[in-house]
C-alpha atoms as a PDB file:
ATOM      1  CA  UNK A   1     -69.025 -16.212  33.854  1.00  0.00           C
ATOM      2  CA  UNK A   2     -68.815 -18.389  30.757  1.00  0.00           C
ATOM      3  CA  UNK A   3     -66.249 -18.130  27.962  1.00  0.00           C
ATOM      4  CA  UNK A   4     -67.217 -18.869  24.345  1.00  0.00           C
ATOM      5  CA  UNK A   5     -64.216 -19.027  22.017  1.00  0.00           C
ATOM      6  CA  UNK A   6     -64.408 -19.004  18.235  1.00  0.00           C
ATOM      7  CA  UNK A   7     -61.974 -20.281  15.667  1.00  0.00           C
ATOM      8  CA  UNK A   8     -61.865 -17.935  12.639  1.00  0.00           C
ATOM      9  CA  UNK A   9     -61.078 -19.543   9.260  1.00  0.00           C
ATOM     10  CA  UNK A  10     -63.715 -22.144   8.443  1.00  0.00           C
ATOM     11  CA  UNK A  11     -65.803 -21.239  11.501  1.00  0.00           C
ATOM     12  CA  UNK A  12     -66.600 -17.521  11.476  1.00  0.00           C
ATOM     13  CA  UNK A  13     -65.140 -16.594   8.086  1.00  0.00           C
ATOM     14  CA  UNK A  14     -65.060 -18.394   4.739  1.00  0.00           C
ATOM     15  CA  UNK A  15     -61.601 -17.498   3.487  1.00  0.00           C
ATOM     16  CA  UNK A  16     -60.900 -20.692   1.542  1.00  0.00           C
ATOM     17  CA  UNK A  17     -60.554 -18.992  -1.850  1.00  0.00           C
ATOM     18  CA  UNK A  18     -57.938 -16.563  -0.535  1.00  0.00           C
ATOM     19  CA  UNK A  19     -56.109 -19.293   1.398  1.00  0.00           C
ATOM     20  CA  UNK A  20     -55.809 -21.527  -1.661  1.00  0.00           C
ATOM     21  CA  UNK A  21     -54.821 -18.622  -3.904  1.00  0.00           C
ATOM     22  CA  UNK A  22     -52.166 -17.379  -1.466  1.00  0.00           C
ATOM     23  CA  UNK A  23     -50.804 -20.893  -0.970  1.00  0.00           C
ATOM     24  CA  UNK A  24     -50.574 -21.375  -4.745  1.00  0.00           C
ATOM     25  CA  UNK A  25     -48.683 -18.100  -5.118  1.00  0.00           C
ATOM     26  CA  UNK A  26     -46.322 -18.952  -2.253  1.00  0.00           C
ATOM     27  CA  UNK A  27     -45.410 -22.397  -3.576  1.00  0.00           C
ATOM     28  CA  UNK A  28     -44.889 -21.049  -7.072  1.00  0.00           C
ATOM     29  CA  UNK A  29     -42.689 -18.245  -5.721  1.00  0.00           C
ATOM     30  CA  UNK A  30     -40.546 -20.829  -3.929  1.00  0.00           C
ATOM     31  CA  UNK A  31     -40.428 -23.078  -7.036  1.00  0.00           C
ATOM     32  CA  UNK A  32     -42.247 -25.957  -5.357  1.00  0.00           C
ATOM     33  CA  UNK A  33     -45.112 -28.145  -6.613  1.00  0.00           C
ATOM     34  CA  UNK A  34     -48.441 -26.635  -5.567  1.00  0.00           C
ATOM     35  CA  UNK A  35     -50.371 -28.855  -3.144  1.00  0.00           C
ATOM     36  CA  UNK A  36     -53.878 -30.063  -3.951  1.00  0.00           C
ATOM     37  CA  UNK A  37     -56.735 -27.885  -2.751  1.00  0.00           C
ATOM     38  CA  UNK A  38     -57.923 -30.571  -0.314  1.00  0.00           C
ATOM     39  CA  UNK A  39     -54.473 -30.795   1.241  1.00  0.00           C
ATOM     40  CA  UNK A  40     -54.309 -27.016   1.698  1.00  0.00           C
ATOM     41  CA  UNK A  41     -57.717 -26.832   3.354  1.00  0.00           C
ATOM     42  CA  UNK A  42     -56.799 -29.802   5.528  1.00  0.00           C
ATOM     43  CA  UNK A  43     -54.061 -27.815   7.287  1.00  0.00           C
ATOM     44  CA  UNK A  44     -56.154 -24.699   7.927  1.00  0.00           C
ATOM     45  CA  UNK A  45     -55.999 -24.094  11.657  1.00  0.00           C
ATOM     46  CA  UNK A  46     -52.318 -24.893  12.038  1.00  0.00           C
ATOM     47  CA  UNK A  47     -49.841 -22.067  12.377  1.00  0.00           C
ATOM     48  CA  UNK A  48     -48.110 -21.294   9.087  1.00  0.00           C
ATOM     49  CA  UNK A  49     -44.754 -22.997   9.581  1.00  0.00           C
ATOM     50  CA  UNK A  50     -46.463 -26.133  10.901  1.00  0.00           C
ATOM     51  CA  UNK A  51     -48.863 -26.028   7.943  1.00  0.00           C
ATOM     52  CA  UNK A  52     -45.937 -25.914   5.513  1.00  0.00           C
ATOM     53  CA  UNK A  53     -44.271 -28.810   7.311  1.00  0.00           C
ATOM     54  CA  UNK A  54     -47.477 -30.823   6.985  1.00  0.00           C
ATOM     55  CA  UNK A  55     -47.791 -29.994   3.279  1.00  0.00           C
ATOM     56  CA  UNK A  56     -44.134 -30.781   2.518  1.00  0.00           C
ATOM     57  CA  UNK A  57     -43.031 -33.688   4.731  1.00  0.00           C
ATOM     58  CA  UNK A  58     -39.338 -33.518   5.539  1.00  0.00           C
ATOM     59  CA  UNK A  59     -38.965 -29.874   4.517  1.00  0.00           C
ATOM     60  CA  UNK A  60     -36.049 -28.046   6.112  1.00  0.00           C
ATOM     61  CA  UNK A  61     -37.037 -25.508   8.818  1.00  0.00           C
ATOM     62  CA  UNK A  62     -35.600 -22.568   6.853  1.00  0.00           C
ATOM     63  CA  UNK A  63     -37.526 -23.585   3.729  1.00  0.00           C
ATOM     64  CA  UNK A  64     -40.757 -23.918   5.740  1.00  0.00           C
ATOM     65  CA  UNK A  65     -40.231 -20.429   7.127  1.00  0.00           C
ATOM     66  CA  UNK A  66     -39.596 -19.090   3.612  1.00  0.00           C
ATOM     67  CA  UNK A  67     -42.853 -20.621   2.388  1.00  0.00           C
ATOM     68  CA  UNK A  68     -44.685 -19.144   5.370  1.00  0.00           C
ATOM     69  CA  UNK A  69     -43.318 -15.673   4.622  1.00  0.00           C
ATOM     70  CA  UNK A  70     -44.240 -16.003   0.945  1.00  0.00           C
ATOM     71  CA  UNK A  71     -47.765 -17.027   1.955  1.00  0.00           C
ATOM     72  CA  UNK A  72     -48.143 -14.060   4.304  1.00  0.00           C
ATOM     73  CA  UNK A  73     -47.023 -11.654   1.590  1.00  0.00           C
ATOM     74  CA  UNK A  74     -49.402 -13.180  -0.957  1.00  0.00           C
ATOM     75  CA  UNK A  75     -52.334 -13.163   1.447  1.00  0.00           C
ATOM     76  CA  UNK A  76     -51.719  -9.532   2.358  1.00  0.00           C
ATOM     77  CA  UNK A  77     -51.783  -8.562  -1.325  1.00  0.00           C
ATOM     78  CA  UNK A  78     -55.073 -10.417  -1.777  1.00  0.00           C
ATOM     79  CA  UNK A  79     -56.534  -8.726   1.296  1.00  0.00           C
ATOM     80  CA  UNK A  80     -55.769  -5.327  -0.207  1.00  0.00           C
ATOM     81  CA  UNK A  81     -57.309  -6.218  -3.572  1.00  0.00           C
ATOM     82  CA  UNK A  82     -60.808  -5.263  -4.656  1.00  0.00           C
ATOM     83  CA  UNK A  83     -61.651  -8.950  -5.069  1.00  0.00           C
ATOM     84  CA  UNK A  84     -61.079  -9.762  -1.378  1.00  0.00           C
ATOM     85  CA  UNK A  85     -63.167 -12.761  -0.258  1.00  0.00           C
ATOM     86  CA  UNK A  86     -63.463 -13.179   3.529  1.00  0.00           C
ATOM     87  CA  UNK A  87     -67.227 -13.199   4.209  1.00  0.00           C
ATOM     88  CA  UNK A  88     -68.752 -14.213   7.509  1.00  0.00           C
ATOM     89  CA  UNK A  89     -70.682 -17.451   7.293  1.00  0.00           C
ATOM     90  CA  UNK A  90     -74.494 -17.058   7.277  1.00  0.00           C
ATOM     91  CA  UNK A  91     -75.789 -16.427  10.774  1.00  0.00           C
ATOM     92  CA  UNK A  92     -72.359 -15.798  12.305  1.00  0.00           C
ATOM     93  CA  UNK A  93     -72.962 -12.165  13.212  1.00  0.00           C
ATOM     94  CA  UNK A  94     -76.379 -12.880  14.714  1.00  0.00           C
ATOM     95  CA  UNK A  95     -74.925 -15.713  16.793  1.00  0.00           C
ATOM     96  CA  UNK A  96     -72.058 -13.544  18.037  1.00  0.00           C
ATOM     97  CA  UNK A  97     -74.534 -10.860  19.070  1.00  0.00           C
ATOM     98  CA  UNK A  98     -77.011 -13.209  20.743  1.00  0.00           C
ATOM     99  CA  UNK A  99     -74.406 -15.160  22.689  1.00  0.00           C
ATOM    100  CA  UNK A 100     -72.236 -12.153  23.503  1.00  0.00           C
ATOM    101  CA  UNK A 101     -75.155 -10.040  24.702  1.00  0.00           C
ATOM    102  CA  UNK A 102     -75.636 -12.318  27.702  1.00  0.00           C
ATOM    103  CA  UNK A 103     -74.349 -10.622  30.850  1.00  0.00           C
ATOM    104  CA  UNK A 104     -72.750 -13.889  32.013  1.00  0.00           C
ATOM    105  CA  UNK A 105     -70.790 -14.580  28.802  1.00  0.00           C
ATOM    106  CA  UNK A 106     -67.513 -13.269  27.436  1.00  0.00           C
ATOM    107  CA  UNK A 107     -66.421 -14.021  23.891  1.00  0.00           C
ATOM    108  CA  UNK A 108     -62.972 -14.774  22.574  1.00  0.00           C
ATOM    109  CA  UNK A 109     -60.978 -15.887  19.545  1.00  0.00           C
ATOM    110  CA  UNK A 110     -58.428 -18.692  19.286  1.00  0.00           C
ATOM    111  CA  UNK A 111     -56.985 -18.914  15.781  1.00  0.00           C
ATOM    112  CA  UNK A 112     -54.006 -19.899  13.690  1.00  0.00           C
ATOM    113  CA  UNK A 113     -54.251 -16.512  11.964  1.00  0.00           C
ATOM    114  CA  UNK A 114     -51.916 -13.670  12.785  1.00  0.00           C
ATOM    115  CA  UNK A 115     -53.008 -10.808  15.024  1.00  0.00           C
ATOM    116  CA  UNK A 116     -52.937  -8.538  11.954  1.00  0.00           C
ATOM    117  CA  UNK A 117     -55.236 -10.950  10.143  1.00  0.00           C
ATOM    118  CA  UNK A 118     -57.702 -11.045  13.015  1.00  0.00           C
ATOM    119  CA  UNK A 119     -57.689  -7.269  13.278  1.00  0.00           C
ATOM    120  CA  UNK A 120     -58.478  -7.050   9.571  1.00  0.00           C
ATOM    121  CA  UNK A 121     -61.458  -9.399   9.985  1.00  0.00           C
ATOM    122  CA  UNK A 122     -62.754  -7.462  12.995  1.00  0.00           C
ATOM    123  CA  UNK A 123     -62.530  -4.179  11.099  1.00  0.00           C
ATOM    124  CA  UNK A 124     -64.081  -5.626   7.934  1.00  0.00           C
ATOM    125  CA  UNK A 125     -67.140  -7.005   9.707  1.00  0.00           C
ATOM    126  CA  UNK A 126     -67.687  -4.396  12.434  1.00  0.00           C
ATOM    127  CA  UNK A 127     -66.783  -6.706  15.328  1.00  0.00           C
ATOM    128  CA  UNK A 128     -64.826  -4.172  17.366  1.00  0.00           C
ATOM    129  CA  UNK A 129     -65.305  -4.658  21.108  1.00  0.00           C
ATOM    130  CA  UNK A 130     -67.023  -8.039  20.775  1.00  0.00           C
ATOM    131  CA  UNK A 131     -64.109 -10.187  21.943  1.00  0.00           C
ATOM    132  CA  UNK A 132     -62.647  -9.943  25.437  1.00  0.00           C
ATOM    133  CA  UNK A 133     -59.664 -12.154  24.612  1.00  0.00           C
ATOM    134  CA  UNK A 134     -57.932 -12.730  21.266  1.00  0.00           C
ATOM    135  CA  UNK A 135     -55.318 -15.449  20.951  1.00  0.00           C
ATOM    136  CA  UNK A 136     -53.386 -15.795  17.688  1.00  0.00           C
ATOM    137  CA  UNK A 137     -50.498 -17.673  16.121  1.00  0.00           C
ATOM    138  CA  UNK A 138     -48.224 -14.702  16.813  1.00  0.00           C
ATOM    139  CA  UNK A 139     -48.082 -15.496  20.509  1.00  0.00           C
ATOM    140  CA  UNK A 140     -48.595 -19.251  20.865  1.00  0.00           C
ATOM    141  CA  UNK A 141     -47.508 -22.687  19.671  1.00  0.00           C
ATOM    142  CA  UNK A 142     -49.651 -24.082  16.875  1.00  0.00           C
ATOM    143  CA  UNK A 143     -52.917 -25.816  17.594  1.00  0.00           C
ATOM    144  CA  UNK A 144     -53.595 -28.367  19.054  1.00  0.00           C
ATOM    145  CA  UNK A 145     -51.271 -27.129  21.826  1.00  0.00           C
ATOM    146  CA  UNK A 146     -53.593 -25.754  24.559  1.00  0.00           C
ATOM    147  CA  UNK A 147     -51.653 -22.509  25.090  1.00  0.00           C
ATOM    148  CA  UNK A 148     -54.249 -20.287  23.358  1.00  0.00           C
ATOM    149  CA  UNK A 149     -57.097 -21.614  25.471  1.00  0.00           C
ATOM    150  CA  UNK A 150     -55.155 -21.613  28.731  1.00  0.00           C
ATOM    151  CA  UNK A 151     -54.199 -17.975  28.165  1.00  0.00           C
ATOM    152  CA  UNK A 152     -57.791 -17.041  27.324  1.00  0.00           C
ATOM    153  CA  UNK A 153     -58.984 -18.704  30.530  1.00  0.00           C
ATOM    154  CA  UNK A 154     -56.355 -16.842  32.542  1.00  0.00           C
ATOM    155  CA  UNK A 155     -57.209 -13.494  30.944  1.00  0.00           C
ATOM    156  CA  UNK A 156     -60.943 -13.855  31.554  1.00  0.00           C
ATOM    157  CA  UNK A 157     -60.838 -15.691  34.888  1.00  0.00           C
ATOM    158  CA  UNK A 158     -63.237 -18.361  33.624  1.00  0.00           C
ATOM    159  CA  UNK A 159     -62.984 -21.946  34.863  1.00  0.00           C
ATOM    160  CA  UNK A 160     -62.343 -24.593  32.175  1.00  0.00           C
ATOM    161  CA  UNK A 161     -65.658 -26.375  32.777  1.00  0.00           C
ATOM    162  CA  UNK A 162     -67.471 -23.108  31.948  1.00  0.00           C
ATOM    163  CA  UNK A 163     -65.670 -22.601  28.625  1.00  0.00           C
ATOM    164  CA  UNK A 164     -66.200 -23.891  25.085  1.00  0.00           C
ATOM    165  CA  UNK A 165     -64.640 -23.434  21.664  1.00  0.00           C
ATOM    166  CA  UNK A 166     -66.537 -23.526  18.372  1.00  0.00           C
ATOM    167  CA  UNK A 167     -64.348 -24.793  15.559  1.00  0.00           C
ATOM    168  CA  UNK A 168     -64.301 -26.634  12.253  1.00  0.00           C
ATOM    169  CA  UNK A 169     -61.154 -28.726  12.655  1.00  0.00           C
ATOM    170  CA  UNK A 170     -59.779 -31.685  14.574  1.00  0.00           C
ATOM    171  CA  UNK A 171     -57.069 -29.289  15.783  1.00  0.00           C
ATOM    172  CA  UNK A 172     -59.742 -27.272  17.607  1.00  0.00           C
ATOM    173  CA  UNK A 173     -61.275 -30.367  19.179  1.00  0.00           C
ATOM    174  CA  UNK A 174     -57.882 -31.699  20.296  1.00  0.00           C
ATOM    175  CA  UNK A 175     -56.878 -28.289  21.668  1.00  0.00           C
ATOM    176  CA  UNK A 176     -60.082 -28.134  23.702  1.00  0.00           C
ATOM    177  CA  UNK A 177     -59.475 -31.596  25.128  1.00  0.00           C
ATOM    178  CA  UNK A 178     -55.892 -30.698  26.039  1.00  0.00           C
ATOM    179  CA  UNK A 179     -57.091 -27.576  27.873  1.00  0.00           C
ATOM    180  CA  UNK A 180     -59.997 -29.335  29.606  1.00  0.00           C
ATOM    181  CA  UNK A 181     -62.808 -27.270  28.055  1.00  0.00           C
ATOM    182  CA  UNK A 182     -65.856 -28.180  25.969  1.00  0.00           C
ATOM    183  CA  UNK A 183     -65.818 -28.249  22.166  1.00  0.00           C
ATOM    184  CA  UNK A 184     -68.595 -27.741  19.625  1.00  0.00           C
ATOM    185  CA  UNK A 185     -67.925 -28.476  15.970  1.00  0.00           C
ATOM    186  CA  UNK A 186     -69.310 -26.762  12.885  1.00  0.00           C
ATOM    187  CA  UNK A 187     -70.120 -28.648   9.698  1.00  0.00           C
ATOM    188  CA  UNK A 188     -69.552 -25.836   7.195  1.00  0.00           C
ATOM    189  CA  UNK A 189     -65.760 -25.586   7.524  1.00  0.00           C
ATOM    190  CA  UNK A 190     -62.825 -27.267   5.823  1.00  0.00           C
ATOM    191  CA  UNK A 191     -62.667 -30.665   7.542  1.00  0.00           C
ATOM    192  CA  UNK A 192     -64.934 -33.713   7.624  1.00  0.00           C
ATOM    193  CA  UNK A 193     -67.642 -33.073  10.271  1.00  0.00           C
ATOM    194  CA  UNK A 194     -67.566 -36.754  11.244  1.00  0.00           C
ATOM    195  CA  UNK A 195     -63.976 -36.317  12.388  1.00  0.00           C
ATOM    196  CA  UNK A 196     -65.085 -33.616  14.838  1.00  0.00           C
ATOM    197  CA  UNK A 197     -67.525 -35.905  16.623  1.00  0.00           C
ATOM    198  CA  UNK A 198     -64.857 -38.595  16.740  1.00  0.00           C
ATOM    199  CA  UNK A 199     -62.479 -36.094  18.401  1.00  0.00           C
ATOM    200  CA  UNK A 200     -64.943 -35.301  21.197  1.00  0.00           C
ATOM    201  CA  UNK A 201     -67.207 -32.527  19.922  1.00  0.00           C
ATOM    202  CA  UNK A 202     -70.243 -32.106  22.169  1.00  0.00           C
ATOM    203  CA  UNK A 203     -72.286 -31.403  19.054  1.00  0.00           C
ATOM    204  CA  UNK A 204     -71.586 -30.582  15.420  1.00  0.00           C
ATOM    205  CA  UNK A 205     -73.705 -27.639  14.261  1.00  0.00           C
ATOM    206  CA  UNK A 206     -75.391 -27.643  10.863  1.00  0.00           C
ATOM    207  CA  UNK A 207     -76.269 -23.922  11.026  1.00  0.00           C
ATOM    208  CA  UNK A 208     -75.133 -21.005  13.130  1.00  0.00           C
ATOM    209  CA  UNK A 209     -78.611 -20.471  14.562  1.00  0.00           C
ATOM    210  CA  UNK A 210     -78.150 -23.773  16.417  1.00  0.00           C
ATOM    211  CA  UNK A 211     -75.239 -22.339  18.418  1.00  0.00           C
ATOM    212  CA  UNK A 212     -77.186 -20.541  21.124  1.00  0.00           C
ATOM    213  CA  UNK A 213     -79.599 -23.419  21.895  1.00  0.00           C
ATOM    214  CA  UNK A 214     -76.736 -25.932  21.982  1.00  0.00           C
ATOM    215  CA  UNK A 215     -74.665 -23.757  24.330  1.00  0.00           C
ATOM    216  CA  UNK A 216     -77.712 -23.016  26.467  1.00  0.00           C
ATOM    217  CA  UNK A 217     -78.301 -26.742  26.882  1.00  0.00           C
ATOM    218  CA  UNK A 218     -74.612 -27.446  27.516  1.00  0.00           C
ATOM    219  CA  UNK A 219     -74.289 -24.852  30.272  1.00  0.00           C
ATOM    220  CA  UNK A 220     -77.848 -24.780  31.595  1.00  0.00           C
ATOM    221  CA  UNK A 221     -78.349 -21.113  30.777  1.00  0.00           C
ATOM    222  CA  UNK A 222     -81.538 -19.358  31.771  1.00  0.00           C
ATOM    223  CA  UNK A 223     -83.168 -16.933  29.357  1.00  0.00           C
ATOM    224  CA  UNK A 224     -82.773 -13.991  31.752  1.00  0.00           C
ATOM    225  CA  UNK A 225     -79.032 -13.329  31.769  1.00  0.00           C
END
């Protein structure tokens, strides 16, 4: 069997507008200067407390936790609003179906989102039953710690050399390297695509319809599985 893991924000789902809006609300609620948009998007992929620590160097742990809680509350309000913006990127659903329909492939998620956030995305986009393993920030250290990937490998019984993660951030590439699996970058996310190649990405995709051919070449798949 092969394991194909997906990051969520910036890889499967374009949630940048909600992330920036929720971060703005959280910092204002805690009476702190709001970070620049580029800085906010640059920490997407980290778990929330680690993201706050990166955005506010030297922040006290309790203050970072307070910001994280304020962000979660703001994001949840946005998710419940009629103006919710968490669309799948073009071609994502087709790629999930084509790759996941292979009898020798299991799909998974490894994300800095909460389990509740992932469940909301799955429900929103009709992805129920597509992912055999779902690893979230609720249960693991922040990326790039390899815990998410190591747990996914253990749950699915797949060897590291037969596993890959698709992600948009250096955190994903570094996590893959730490766990001993392959990494494929995507160019449409929130970080500089050149940084992904520099961190060891096998390839950096320009479109989602490139995913299956790239993975087929990487793993030597036949067209009959």
